[in-house]
Each structure stands twice: as structure tokens, then as C-alpha cells.
Amino acid sequence: MKRKILVLSLAAACLMCSCGSIERVETARPESGTYTVYYLGSAAFAGRARANGELRGIWVSQFDMHPVCRDGCRQRDENDYREKVRAMLDNLVRDGFNTVFLQVRPNGDSMYESEIYPCSKYIAGYYGGSLDYDAVGIFLTNAKERGLSVHAWINPYRLCTKSDMENYEGGCVLKKWYADRGGRIKEGEDGLLYLDPSYPEATRLIAAGADEILDKYDFDGIHIDDYFYPTEFEFHDEREFAQSGYSDLGEFRRANVNRTVKALYEAAHSHGKIFGVAPSGNIYSLENGWYADIYRWCGESGFADYIMPQLYFGFENACCPFASVLSDWCAAMQNGAKLYIGLSAAKCVMGSEGKPDIYAGEAGKYEWRDRKDVIARSLAAVKSSGANGFCLFTYSSLYDPLTGEENPLIAAEKKAFVGAISG
């Protein structure tokens, strides 16, 4: 593919002098043609994105928030926490983001004081600890003051470790189910516990947690990612399947996940909010690998307001080349739901560290190391595809959560981030 250098016009040069951040840059397009590229933080990007309703999101995970919430063996001083949160959010506003997906339930726990789930060790120090102040409420208030949309991100089925559960002395339904040994909680080979999706009471618990979040906070929606059935080990639900009346294991498991997805959609809509799913980006393996009924979610109403596949692939990926997979996701969207594309800033960092993308095949394993425009080209492809926006994983790949400083390992790639594209 021939790379094209776009000539910097006099008008653009004037804009660059006035705002300090707008500049056309050398880049490449997945298909033929030319286009205009702006830095992510430019005023032109912000204006165009507001005009066309484009989502420019970022995932803020429990790992991003852990050092901000904790100071050694205690919850961080509240004023210090507020200062660090303001710095985080100022970074996002400056760089043109408009939406945050904030992790509030990573492991069958809660980043706030919950009547349903124990407090998370990422904020309380240990599973079921107590909190000195409402860190989620502070984050949300400061984000809203800056015009950012914030969605509550939960992992529905993934729980804590066996040790965390056994050492937890408080009373909650998860502890009771674990003690009952009735099958509703399964032990995974990865050291974590999991809710078994086949139990309707698991769905009710997950939906109740979403209701609690939206009763307590003014989030704009509920968001889940790709933790459905585990893929790295066999999930032992033989007994539940045998008693289900289904003859096909795949149909049984997809029906279980569908029940939870639909319940979360209904919970969000009962509060006047939206619900979306961020599945694995490999659309070809979702139905029989993760047991995510993706074509149904994309084809029928009542499951999701948006789908945000995690397309963490380069253009030279042997199994899932970015442009081809993006095209197939666009074709799958038949129900009017929005399509947002998840992109991996973490792989830019990995590439700068010289690490191979071990699942990309021989041709693609060093693409993230050798090219510093993978995200830029991905954003160009997203824009031209008709998708409704993008989301980057994660905050700490771009910035230091404690200091607010930009991650030097992503500096070259970030400089080429696509902001707004025309032509």
C-alpha cells in the first residue's frame, strides 16, 4: 500500500498557530483515496465530533483506578483523590474524549458501598472492606462537570478468587451460594470463581446490581464486556445442561447469556438509560466460543443499544485483519443499534516494548512494534466504515494515573491519532 503525504494548506497552518494542536499528518488509508487527519486533542476534532454525535470513549479499569483509590495500605486521602481524578478527567477532555466507561464491578464486588456485593479490594484493600468516602460519586460528579458522559462498566459473571471468598466474613448472597456448593458458583482453572449463567437467580442478581447502580448514581448507561463463558478452560455445567431440556450445548449456553443480556437491557431502560455490550472482536468465534449470540443481538431489538467489539487487531493479523473484521461487524448490524469500535492502546505500549503480538501470525506479530500508525489507520477505517465511534483500552496505556503524565511508550502512536476525517 502506497503511503500518501498530505500537503499542509495555508488555512490549516493558520489554525495550527491559533490552537496549537491542529495539524495534518502523514498517514495511510486501508482503501485508496486521501483524507484529512487532525490530532485527537484538536479543536477541529472536538467540533466535528460534537456535530456528528461520534462517541470517543475510553475504558477506565479497576487497574487504572487502584493506585488512585489506594495509598499504600489505606484509602487515599479524599482531597488527594479528588485532585488526581480531576487530573485524569482534564487529560481526557484536553485530548478530545467525550465518554468514559468506568469499571465499578470487576470481580463480583463493588467500587462503591453496595447492599448486594462486597466492596472491591481495588478500593477497600481487601474483598469486603469498608470505604471512607464515595469515590465513584466523586468521579462521576467531576466527569459530569466537564461534560463527559459516564457509563457503569460491570463484569457480570466473573467473581473473586476462592481465597477472597473464603476469607470474606460478611454476609452476601455470593458467600451463601459458595457455601451451599450447589453449583451456582463454579471454580475456574484460572483461580477465579464464576457465576454459572444457567441459573436464573444469577441473572436476577446481576440485574439487581445494575438497578442498584442506576438508583444510586446518574450514570448514562450500563456496560458489559466480553466475560461470558470462559474460553481458556472448560466450564463444568454438564449437570445443568443435562437437566435443561436442550439437546445442543451451544444453544443452551447462548440462551443463558441472552437471558442476562436482555435483563440488563431492561434494567437500564427502566431507568431511562442505555445498555451496551463490548464482546471480543473476533466475530467468527463468538457464538460457539464465548456463547455470545452476537448476530441475534445485532439483528433484533431488545438486547443492546450499542455493540462495541474489541477489535484489538492490526491490519496484518493473519486470523482477523482489522479492515476485514470491521467490515463484517458493520454488515452484522441490522437492528438500528449503534456500532462503536474498541481499539487497544495497550498493544501500542506492548509494541514499543518490543513484544510480539503472539496471536497475529508470522506476518503480523511485530506490526505494533514496527508501525506507529496502527491506531491512526484503524480510526480512519472506523470513520469511513460508517461506525458511530470508538473506545480505547485503557486509561493507563495513555497516561500515568497518579501523575497524569502521558505514557512515553505511546507518544509516537498518539501523535498520529486520527481526530476528524474528510473526503
Protein backbone atom coordinates (compact mmCIF):
# COMPACT_ATOMS: atom_id res chain seq x y z
CA MET A 1 0.00 0.00 0.00
CA LYS A 2 1.47 3.32 -1.05
CA ARG A 3 1.58 5.94 1.66
CA LYS A 4 0.46 9.46 0.78
CA ILE A 5 1.75 12.68 2.21
CA LEU A 6 -0.94 15.30 2.51
CA VAL A 7 0.15 18.87 1.88
CA LEU A 8 -0.38 21.24 4.77
CA SER A 9 -2.53 24.08 3.50
CA LEU A 10 -2.15 27.71 4.48
CA ALA A 11 -5.52 27.62 6.24
CA ALA A 12 -4.52 24.63 8.30
CA ALA A 13 -1.23 26.29 9.13
CA CYS A 14 -3.11 29.30 10.48
CA LEU A 15 -5.32 27.05 12.56
CA MET A 16 -2.30 25.25 13.92
CA CYS A 17 -0.82 28.53 15.07
CA SER A 18 -4.03 29.63 16.74
CA CYS A 19 -4.91 26.48 18.68
CA GLY A 20 -1.55 24.80 18.92
CA SER A 21 -2.77 21.28 18.15
CA ILE A 22 -4.29 21.00 14.66
CA GLU A 23 -2.04 19.54 12.02
CA ARG A 24 -2.40 17.29 9.02
CA VAL A 25 -0.05 14.35 9.34
CA GLU A 26 1.38 11.66 7.11
CA THR A 27 -0.68 8.51 7.38
CA ALA A 28 -2.09 5.60 5.41
CA ARG A 29 -5.62 4.59 4.49
CA PRO A 30 -6.87 0.99 4.34
CA GLU A 31 -8.54 1.72 1.00
CA SER A 32 -7.48 4.05 -1.80
CA GLY A 33 -8.08 7.78 -1.60
CA THR A 34 -6.98 10.71 0.50
CA TYR A 35 -8.30 12.13 3.70
CA THR A 36 -7.56 14.77 6.28
CA VAL A 37 -6.18 13.88 9.67
CA TYR A 38 -6.15 16.00 12.84
CA TYR A 39 -4.64 15.34 16.22
CA LEU A 40 -7.02 13.80 18.71
CA GLY A 41 -6.96 16.81 21.01
CA SER A 42 -7.58 19.42 18.34
CA ALA A 43 -10.41 21.92 18.41
CA ALA A 44 -11.41 20.77 14.92
CA PHE A 45 -11.79 17.19 16.17
CA ALA A 46 -13.93 18.26 19.13
CA GLY A 47 -16.19 20.41 16.97
CA ARG A 48 -16.72 17.79 14.28
CA ALA A 49 -17.34 15.04 16.82
CA ARG A 50 -19.97 17.09 18.62
CA ALA A 51 -21.64 17.79 15.30
CA ASN A 52 -21.92 14.19 14.17
CA GLY A 53 -22.54 12.54 17.55
CA GLU A 54 -19.40 10.42 17.35
CA LEU A 55 -18.54 8.55 20.53
CA ARG A 56 -14.90 8.99 21.57
CA GLY A 57 -14.60 6.72 24.57
CA ILE A 58 -12.03 5.32 26.93
CA TRP A 59 -12.21 2.39 29.32
CA VAL A 60 -11.11 3.25 32.87
CA SER A 61 -10.49 -0.09 34.54
CA GLN A 62 -10.07 -1.20 38.14
CA PHE A 63 -6.32 -1.35 37.46
CA ASP A 64 -6.34 2.29 36.35
CA MET A 65 -8.28 3.33 39.46
CA HIS A 66 -6.50 1.14 42.02
CA PRO A 67 -3.45 3.41 42.50
CA VAL A 68 -5.72 6.46 42.50
CA CYS A 69 -8.07 4.99 45.11
CA ARG A 70 -5.41 3.44 47.36
CA ASP A 71 -2.37 4.93 49.07
CA GLY A 72 -0.41 2.00 50.39
CA CYS A 73 -2.49 0.18 52.97
CA ARG A 74 -5.33 2.72 53.14
CA GLN A 75 -7.86 4.50 51.00
CA ARG A 76 -6.27 7.62 49.59
CA ASP A 77 -6.96 10.92 51.37
CA GLU A 78 -10.16 12.31 49.89
CA ASN A 79 -8.68 15.65 48.80
CA ASP A 80 -5.72 13.88 47.21
CA TYR A 81 -8.12 11.53 45.44
CA ARG A 82 -10.19 14.45 44.15
CA GLU A 83 -7.07 16.13 42.80
CA LYS A 84 -5.94 13.01 40.95
CA VAL A 85 -9.40 12.39 39.50
CA ARG A 86 -9.57 15.96 38.24
CA ALA A 87 -6.20 15.50 36.55
CA MET A 88 -7.38 12.26 34.92
CA LEU A 89 -10.53 13.86 33.58
CA ASP A 90 -8.73 17.01 32.42
CA ASN A 91 -6.45 14.79 30.35
CA LEU A 92 -9.46 13.20 28.67
CA VAL A 93 -11.19 16.49 27.93
CA ARG A 94 -8.00 18.03 26.57
CA ASP A 95 -7.45 15.09 24.24
CA GLY A 96 -10.97 15.12 22.85
CA PHE A 97 -12.64 12.18 24.60
CA ASN A 98 -16.31 12.54 25.41
CA THR A 99 -17.24 9.25 27.11
CA VAL A 100 -15.85 7.19 29.99
CA PHE A 101 -16.65 3.55 30.72
CA LEU A 102 -15.82 3.31 34.42
CA GLN A 103 -15.29 -0.12 35.97
CA VAL A 104 -17.48 -0.44 39.04
CA ARG A 105 -17.79 -4.26 39.30
CA PRO A 106 -14.68 -6.19 38.21
CA ASN A 107 -14.96 -9.41 40.28
CA GLY A 108 -18.37 -9.90 41.85
CA ASP A 109 -17.57 -6.87 44.01
CA SER A 110 -18.30 -3.17 44.08
CA MET A 111 -16.25 0.02 43.84
CA TYR A 112 -18.91 1.72 45.97
CA GLU A 113 -20.81 0.80 49.14
CA SER A 114 -23.33 -1.80 47.95
CA GLU A 115 -26.11 -3.69 49.68
CA ILE A 116 -25.67 -6.58 47.24
CA TYR A 117 -21.94 -7.02 46.54
CA PRO A 118 -18.90 -6.75 48.85
CA CYS A 119 -16.59 -3.78 48.39
CA SER A 120 -13.78 -4.38 45.94
CA LYS A 121 -10.22 -4.92 47.09
CA TYR A 122 -9.14 -2.43 44.41
CA ILE A 123 -10.61 0.36 46.52
CA ALA A 124 -11.16 -1.11 50.00
CA GLY A 125 -7.86 -3.06 50.18
CA TYR A 126 -9.49 -6.45 50.58
CA TYR A 127 -12.67 -8.18 49.46
CA GLY A 128 -15.49 -6.85 51.62
CA GLY A 129 -13.57 -3.96 53.18
CA SER A 130 -15.10 -0.60 54.12
CA LEU A 131 -14.84 2.82 52.46
CA ASP A 132 -14.12 6.23 53.96
CA TYR A 133 -15.90 8.17 51.18
CA ASP A 134 -17.75 7.66 47.90
CA ALA A 135 -15.01 7.56 45.27
CA VAL A 136 -17.41 6.63 42.45
CA GLY A 137 -19.69 9.56 43.26
CA ILE A 138 -16.74 11.97 43.25
CA PHE A 139 -15.51 10.64 39.91
CA LEU A 140 -18.95 10.90 38.37
CA THR A 141 -19.63 14.43 39.63
CA ASN A 142 -16.31 15.72 38.32
CA ALA A 143 -16.79 14.00 34.96
CA LYS A 144 -20.27 15.47 34.52
CA GLU A 145 -18.94 18.95 35.37
CA ARG A 146 -16.57 18.56 32.41
CA GLY A 147 -19.30 17.47 30.03
CA LEU A 148 -18.19 13.83 29.92
CA SER A 149 -20.70 11.03 29.58
CA VAL A 150 -20.00 8.17 32.02
CA HIS A 151 -21.26 4.58 31.83
CA ALA A 152 -21.02 1.99 34.62
CA TRP A 153 -18.93 -0.94 33.45
CA ILE A 154 -19.54 -4.33 35.07
CA ASN A 155 -18.31 -7.88 34.57
CA PRO A 156 -21.47 -9.95 35.07
CA TYR A 157 -20.20 -13.49 35.73
CA ARG A 158 -16.56 -13.21 36.77
CA LEU A 159 -16.07 -13.28 40.55
CA CYS A 160 -13.18 -13.05 43.01
CA THR A 161 -10.63 -15.72 43.88
CA LYS A 162 -11.51 -18.71 46.03
CA SER A 163 -9.27 -17.30 48.77
CA ASP A 164 -11.03 -13.92 48.69
CA MET A 165 -14.41 -15.61 49.01
CA GLU A 166 -13.37 -17.94 51.83
CA ASN A 167 -11.78 -15.10 53.82
CA TYR A 168 -14.78 -12.82 53.41
CA GLU A 169 -16.63 -12.71 56.73
CA GLY A 170 -19.59 -10.58 55.70
CA GLY A 171 -22.97 -11.82 54.63
CA CYS A 172 -23.95 -11.62 50.97
CA VAL A 173 -25.73 -13.87 48.55
CA LEU A 174 -22.48 -14.82 46.77
CA LYS A 175 -20.98 -16.07 50.03
CA LYS A 176 -24.12 -18.09 50.71
CA TRP A 177 -24.15 -19.63 47.24
CA TYR A 178 -20.48 -20.50 47.55
CA ALA A 179 -21.04 -22.12 50.95
CA ASP A 180 -24.01 -24.10 49.63
CA ARG A 181 -21.85 -25.78 46.96
CA GLY A 182 -25.00 -26.01 44.87
CA GLY A 183 -23.40 -25.28 41.50
CA ARG A 184 -24.40 -21.66 41.10
CA ILE A 185 -20.75 -20.70 41.58
CA LYS A 186 -18.11 -22.62 39.66
CA GLU A 187 -14.37 -22.65 40.29
CA GLY A 188 -12.33 -21.87 37.19
CA GLU A 189 -8.94 -23.22 36.29
CA ASP A 190 -7.64 -19.64 36.24
CA GLY A 191 -8.02 -19.32 40.03
CA LEU A 192 -11.23 -17.27 39.85
CA LEU A 193 -14.80 -18.14 40.72
CA TYR A 194 -17.64 -17.67 38.22
CA LEU A 195 -21.37 -17.36 38.38
CA ASP A 196 -22.94 -20.13 36.32
CA PRO A 197 -25.03 -18.35 33.65
CA SER A 198 -27.50 -21.26 33.54
CA TYR A 199 -29.11 -20.27 36.86
CA PRO A 200 -31.93 -17.69 36.58
CA GLU A 201 -31.07 -16.42 40.07
CA ALA A 202 -27.63 -15.45 38.75
CA THR A 203 -29.34 -13.30 36.13
CA ARG A 204 -31.59 -11.75 38.78
CA LEU A 205 -28.57 -10.92 40.96
CA ILE A 206 -26.73 -9.28 38.06
CA ALA A 207 -29.79 -7.25 37.07
CA ALA A 208 -30.37 -6.21 40.68
CA GLY A 209 -26.81 -4.94 40.79
CA ALA A 210 -27.46 -2.83 37.69
CA ASP A 211 -30.64 -1.46 39.25
CA GLU A 212 -28.71 -0.53 42.39
CA ILE A 213 -26.08 1.33 40.36
CA LEU A 214 -28.66 3.37 38.49
CA ASP A 215 -30.70 4.03 41.63
CA LYS A 216 -27.60 5.34 43.38
CA TYR A 217 -25.83 7.23 40.57
CA ASP A 218 -26.65 9.25 37.47
CA PHE A 219 -24.67 7.09 35.06
CA ASP A 220 -25.67 7.32 31.40
CA GLY A 221 -25.84 3.57 30.99
CA ILE A 222 -24.72 0.07 31.93
CA HIS A 223 -21.86 -1.54 30.01
CA ILE A 224 -20.52 -5.10 30.00
CA ASP A 225 -17.52 -6.54 28.20
CA ASP A 226 -16.50 -9.98 26.97
CA TYR A 227 -16.68 -12.13 30.10
CA PHE A 228 -19.42 -14.57 29.18
CA TYR A 229 -18.41 -18.23 29.27
CA PRO A 230 -14.65 -18.64 29.88
CA THR A 231 -12.71 -19.69 26.79
CA GLU A 232 -9.38 -20.71 28.29
CA PHE A 233 -10.75 -23.73 30.19
CA GLU A 234 -13.79 -25.99 30.15
CA PHE A 235 -16.75 -24.74 32.14
CA HIS A 236 -18.27 -27.67 34.00
CA ASP A 237 -22.02 -27.26 33.60
CA GLU A 238 -22.73 -30.84 32.50
CA ARG A 239 -25.37 -31.38 35.16
CA GLU A 240 -27.18 -28.13 34.40
CA PHE A 241 -27.14 -28.90 30.67
CA ALA A 242 -28.46 -32.43 31.22
CA GLN A 243 -31.37 -31.04 33.22
CA SER A 244 -32.11 -28.15 30.86
CA GLY A 245 -34.10 -29.89 28.14
CA TYR A 246 -31.72 -28.59 25.46
CA SER A 247 -30.10 -31.08 23.12
CA ASP A 248 -27.35 -28.71 21.94
CA LEU A 249 -24.82 -27.29 24.43
CA GLY A 250 -24.26 -24.16 22.34
CA GLU A 251 -27.97 -23.34 22.20
CA PHE A 252 -28.23 -23.89 25.96
CA ARG A 253 -25.34 -21.59 26.79
CA ARG A 254 -26.38 -18.87 24.34
CA ALA A 255 -29.89 -18.89 25.82
CA ASN A 256 -28.40 -18.39 29.29
CA VAL A 257 -26.31 -15.42 28.21
CA ASN A 258 -29.24 -13.98 26.25
CA ARG A 259 -31.35 -14.04 29.40
CA THR A 260 -28.79 -11.95 31.28
CA VAL A 261 -28.16 -9.53 28.41
CA LYS A 262 -31.87 -8.95 27.97
CA ALA A 263 -32.34 -8.45 31.74
CA LEU A 264 -29.59 -5.82 31.80
CA TYR A 265 -31.12 -4.06 28.78
CA GLU A 266 -34.48 -3.96 30.56
CA ALA A 267 -32.91 -2.77 33.82
CA ALA A 268 -31.14 0.09 32.08
CA HIS A 269 -34.24 1.10 30.13
CA SER A 270 -36.39 1.03 33.25
CA HIS A 271 -34.19 3.90 34.48
CA GLY A 272 -34.25 5.75 31.15
CA LYS A 273 -30.62 4.77 30.45
CA ILE A 274 -28.93 2.70 27.75
CA PHE A 275 -27.16 -0.65 27.74
CA GLY A 276 -24.32 -1.92 25.58
CA VAL A 277 -22.03 -4.89 25.13
CA ALA A 278 -18.33 -4.98 24.24
CA PRO A 279 -17.71 -8.54 23.03
CA SER A 280 -14.46 -9.99 21.79
CA GLY A 281 -13.62 -8.61 18.37
CA ASN A 282 -13.38 -11.99 16.64
CA ILE A 283 -16.92 -12.13 15.31
CA TYR A 284 -16.33 -15.60 13.88
CA SER A 285 -15.75 -17.30 17.26
CA LEU A 286 -18.30 -15.58 19.48
CA GLU A 287 -21.29 -17.88 19.02
CA ASN A 288 -19.51 -21.14 19.79
CA GLY A 289 -16.50 -19.88 21.74
CA TRP A 290 -17.90 -17.31 24.14
CA TYR A 291 -21.53 -18.37 23.55
CA ALA A 292 -22.45 -14.79 22.77
CA ASP A 293 -25.45 -14.75 20.41
CA ILE A 294 -23.98 -11.83 18.57
CA TYR A 295 -25.99 -11.99 15.33
CA ARG A 296 -29.19 -12.00 17.34
CA TRP A 297 -28.04 -9.01 19.43
CA CYS A 298 -27.15 -7.19 16.22
CA GLY A 299 -30.32 -8.25 14.42
CA GLU A 300 -33.14 -7.98 16.98
CA SER A 301 -34.23 -5.16 19.24
CA GLY A 302 -34.36 -5.60 23.00
CA PHE A 303 -30.80 -6.77 23.63
CA ALA A 304 -28.43 -3.82 23.28
CA ASP A 305 -28.46 -0.16 22.32
CA TYR A 306 -24.93 -0.48 21.00
CA ILE A 307 -22.32 -3.12 20.31
CA MET A 308 -18.65 -2.28 20.89
CA PRO A 309 -16.49 -5.16 19.59
CA GLN A 310 -12.93 -5.18 20.82
CA LEU A 311 -11.03 -5.08 17.54
CA TYR A 312 -7.58 -5.40 19.06
CA PHE A 313 -6.07 -6.43 15.73
CA GLY A 314 -3.55 -4.95 13.35
CA PHE A 315 -4.08 -4.80 9.61
CA GLU A 316 -1.62 -7.66 9.10
CA ASN A 317 -3.21 -10.00 11.63
CA ALA A 318 -3.39 -13.44 9.99
CA CYS A 319 -6.65 -14.52 11.65
CA CYS A 320 -8.56 -11.24 11.97
CA PRO A 321 -7.12 -8.46 9.79
CA PHE A 322 -8.63 -5.25 11.06
CA ALA A 323 -10.23 -3.98 7.85
CA SER A 324 -11.95 -7.28 7.07
CA VAL A 325 -13.28 -7.85 10.58
CA LEU A 326 -14.54 -4.26 10.76
CA SER A 327 -16.43 -4.79 7.51
CA ASP A 328 -18.07 -7.94 8.85
CA TRP A 329 -19.15 -6.18 12.03
CA CYS A 330 -20.70 -3.38 10.03
CA ALA A 331 -22.59 -5.92 7.93
CA ALA A 332 -23.90 -7.66 11.06
CA MET A 333 -25.62 -4.53 12.39
CA GLN A 334 -29.22 -4.92 11.25
CA ASN A 335 -31.35 -3.64 14.13
CA GLY A 336 -30.54 0.05 14.26
CA ALA A 337 -28.23 -0.26 17.26
CA LYS A 338 -25.06 1.82 17.28
CA LEU A 339 -21.71 0.28 16.41
CA TYR A 340 -18.69 1.53 18.33
CA ILE A 341 -15.26 0.01 17.79
CA GLY A 342 -12.98 -0.90 20.68
CA LEU A 343 -9.27 -0.31 20.00
CA SER A 344 -6.22 -1.33 22.03
CA ALA A 345 -3.86 1.41 23.12
CA ALA A 346 -2.28 -1.31 25.28
CA LYS A 347 -0.95 -3.02 22.14
CA CYS A 348 0.83 0.20 21.17
CA VAL A 349 2.62 0.08 24.52
CA MET A 350 3.38 -3.60 24.02
CA GLY A 351 4.84 -2.86 20.60
CA SER A 352 7.04 -0.06 21.96
CA GLU A 353 8.38 -2.56 24.49
CA GLY A 354 9.34 -4.83 21.59
CA LYS A 355 6.83 -7.53 22.50
CA PRO A 356 5.24 -9.58 19.70
CA ASP A 357 1.51 -9.92 19.15
CA ILE A 358 1.69 -13.69 19.54
CA TYR A 359 -1.79 -14.38 18.12
CA ALA A 360 -1.32 -12.28 14.97
CA GLY A 361 0.59 -14.85 12.92
CA GLU A 362 4.05 -14.50 11.46
CA ALA A 363 3.21 -11.52 9.24
CA GLY A 364 1.50 -9.52 11.93
CA LYS A 365 3.30 -10.33 15.15
CA TYR A 366 5.59 -7.27 15.01
CA GLU A 367 3.18 -4.85 13.34
CA TRP A 368 2.64 -2.93 16.59
CA ARG A 369 6.41 -2.68 17.09
CA ASP A 370 7.29 -1.63 13.57
CA ARG A 371 4.37 0.69 12.77
CA LYS A 372 3.40 3.71 14.83
CA ASP A 373 0.18 4.45 12.97
CA VAL A 374 -1.89 1.32 13.64
CA ILE A 375 -4.46 3.18 15.75
CA ALA A 376 -4.45 6.11 13.33
CA ARG A 377 -5.22 3.82 10.42
CA SER A 378 -7.79 1.96 12.49
CA LEU A 379 -9.59 5.21 13.32
CA ALA A 380 -9.54 6.19 9.66
CA ALA A 381 -11.13 2.86 8.77
CA VAL A 382 -13.74 3.24 11.54
CA LYS A 383 -14.65 6.71 10.28
CA SER A 384 -15.04 5.61 6.66
CA SER A 385 -16.97 2.45 7.63
CA GLY A 386 -19.96 4.35 8.99
CA ALA A 387 -19.47 3.11 12.56
CA ASN A 388 -20.60 5.56 15.23
CA GLY A 389 -17.38 5.99 17.18
CA PHE A 390 -14.55 4.30 19.04
CA CYS A 391 -13.27 3.46 22.51
CA LEU A 392 -9.66 2.99 23.61
CA PHE A 393 -8.39 0.46 26.14
CA THR A 394 -7.26 1.72 28.63
CA TYR A 395 -6.53 4.96 30.50
CA SER A 396 -3.17 3.81 31.90
CA SER A 397 -1.92 2.95 28.43
CA LEU A 398 -2.16 6.65 27.58
CA TYR A 399 -1.43 8.37 30.89
CA ASP A 400 0.06 7.69 34.29
CA PRO A 401 -2.98 7.51 36.61
CA LEU A 402 -1.04 9.04 39.51
CA THR A 403 0.93 11.83 37.85
CA GLY A 404 -1.28 12.46 34.84
CA GLU A 405 1.77 12.44 32.59
CA GLU A 406 1.47 10.95 29.12
CA ASN A 407 2.90 7.47 28.67
CA PRO A 408 6.11 7.92 26.63
CA LEU A 409 5.73 4.42 25.20
CA ILE A 410 2.69 5.55 23.21
CA ALA A 411 3.86 9.05 22.28
CA ALA A 412 4.62 8.32 18.62
CA GLU A 413 1.35 6.50 18.04
CA LYS A 414 -0.67 9.10 19.93
CA LYS A 415 0.77 11.88 17.78
CA ALA A 416 -0.80 10.22 14.75
CA PHE A 417 -4.22 9.51 16.27
CA VAL A 418 -6.94 10.36 13.86
CA GLY A 419 -9.26 13.12 15.03
CA ALA A 420 -11.52 14.04 12.16
CA ILE A 421 -11.55 12.72 8.61
CA SER A 422 -12.99 14.25 5.48
CA GLY A 423 -13.07 13.14 1.90
